[in-house]
Amino acid sequence: MTDTAALALALGHVRNAVWQLMGNDQPSGLTLGLECLDLEALLNHDDIEPAVVPREPSPAASLAEARRLLVGVPELVAPAAWAVLASLTAKLA
């Protein structure tokens, strides 16, 4: 798998987390979904199309899968993205 393909898959998982959060009818869903969109913007400075990936059981699982993929391509991840990902992961735990 190329680095760009791995990033596209990670972006797909972030996008799924956004969709799950914004559609969950919870008061915090919109705010957390917007934070995920911020994460997507930090990760996608080259305007890569997010891959269509299977939905994980929860937004936290989607972000965990995104993190697993991003660890393999650290040179493509902006340093600030790690902090945002850690913050979101903690909020969803």
Protein backbone atom coordinates (compact mmCIF):
# COMPACT_ATOMS: atom_id res chain seq x y z
CA MET A 1 0.00 0.00 0.00
CA THR A 2 1.35 3.43 -0.88
CA ASP A 3 1.64 6.16 1.70
CA THR A 4 -1.06 8.17 -0.09
CA ALA A 5 -3.41 5.17 -0.09
CA ALA A 6 -2.87 4.69 3.65
CA LEU A 7 -3.61 8.36 4.25
CA ALA A 8 -6.75 8.14 2.09
CA LEU A 9 -7.94 5.17 4.17
CA ALA A 10 -7.24 7.04 7.41
CA LEU A 11 -9.15 10.03 6.08
CA GLY A 12 -12.07 7.73 5.26
CA HIS A 13 -12.17 6.55 8.86
CA VAL A 14 -12.05 10.14 10.12
CA ARG A 15 -14.90 11.02 7.74
CA ASN A 16 -16.93 8.06 9.08
CA ALA A 17 -16.38 9.32 12.63
CA VAL A 18 -17.68 12.74 11.56
CA TRP A 19 -20.79 11.16 10.05
CA GLN A 20 -21.42 9.02 13.13
CA LEU A 21 -20.95 11.93 15.54
CA MET A 22 -23.05 14.45 13.66
CA GLY A 23 -25.89 11.97 13.25
CA ASN A 24 -26.05 10.63 16.80
CA ASP A 25 -28.56 13.18 18.20
CA GLN A 26 -26.31 13.82 21.19
CA PRO A 27 -25.65 17.41 22.33
CA SER A 28 -21.88 16.91 21.99
CA GLY A 29 -22.11 15.21 18.59
CA LEU A 30 -21.98 18.39 16.55
CA THR A 31 -19.03 19.81 18.46
CA LEU A 32 -17.05 16.58 18.31
CA GLY A 33 -17.94 16.15 14.64
CA LEU A 34 -16.57 19.59 13.90
CA GLU A 35 -13.38 18.71 15.77
CA CYS A 36 -13.08 15.64 13.54
CA LEU A 37 -13.45 17.87 10.49
CA ASP A 38 -10.61 20.01 11.87
CA LEU A 39 -8.54 16.83 12.18
CA GLU A 40 -9.36 15.92 8.59
CA ALA A 41 -8.21 19.37 7.43
CA LEU A 42 -4.92 18.99 9.32
CA LEU A 43 -4.32 15.59 7.76
CA ASN A 44 -5.36 16.49 4.23
CA HIS A 45 -3.14 19.37 3.19
CA ASP A 46 -2.69 17.79 -0.28
CA ASP A 47 -6.45 17.55 -0.94
CA ILE A 48 -6.54 13.74 -1.10
CA GLU A 49 -9.96 12.20 -1.59
CA PRO A 50 -10.91 10.15 1.51
CA ALA A 51 -11.36 6.47 0.71
CA VAL A 52 -14.72 4.83 1.19
CA VAL A 53 -14.15 2.44 4.09
CA PRO A 54 -16.44 0.14 6.06
CA ARG A 55 -18.10 1.80 9.02
CA GLU A 56 -16.67 0.91 12.40
CA PRO A 57 -19.04 0.25 15.33
CA SER A 58 -18.39 3.66 16.90
CA PRO A 59 -16.67 6.99 16.23
CA ALA A 60 -13.96 5.98 18.72
CA ALA A 61 -13.31 2.78 16.75
CA SER A 62 -13.14 4.77 13.51
CA LEU A 63 -10.55 7.11 15.00
CA ALA A 64 -8.59 4.16 16.42
CA GLU A 65 -8.41 2.64 12.95
CA ALA A 66 -7.37 6.00 11.48
CA ARG A 67 -4.60 6.23 14.09
CA ARG A 68 -3.42 2.70 13.29
CA LEU A 69 -3.04 3.69 9.65
CA LEU A 70 -1.42 7.05 10.41
CA VAL A 71 1.27 5.46 12.57
CA GLY A 72 2.51 3.79 9.38
CA VAL A 73 2.93 7.10 7.55
CA PRO A 74 4.12 9.57 10.20
CA GLU A 75 5.89 11.71 7.60
CA LEU A 76 2.47 12.62 6.13
CA VAL A 77 0.94 13.60 9.47
CA ALA A 78 1.18 17.19 10.67
CA PRO A 79 2.44 17.33 14.29
CA ALA A 80 -0.71 19.18 15.38
CA ALA A 81 -2.88 16.34 14.05
CA TRP A 82 -1.52 13.94 16.68
CA ALA A 83 -2.64 16.26 19.48
CA VAL A 84 -6.11 16.68 17.98
CA LEU A 85 -6.43 12.92 17.48
CA ALA A 86 -5.37 12.27 21.09
CA SER A 87 -7.84 14.85 22.38
CA LEU A 88 -10.73 13.38 20.39
CA THR A 89 -9.82 9.88 21.46
CA ALA A 90 -9.86 10.94 25.12
CA LYS A 91 -13.22 12.71 24.73
CA LEU A 92 -14.78 9.64 23.12
CA ALA A 93 -13.39 7.18 25.67
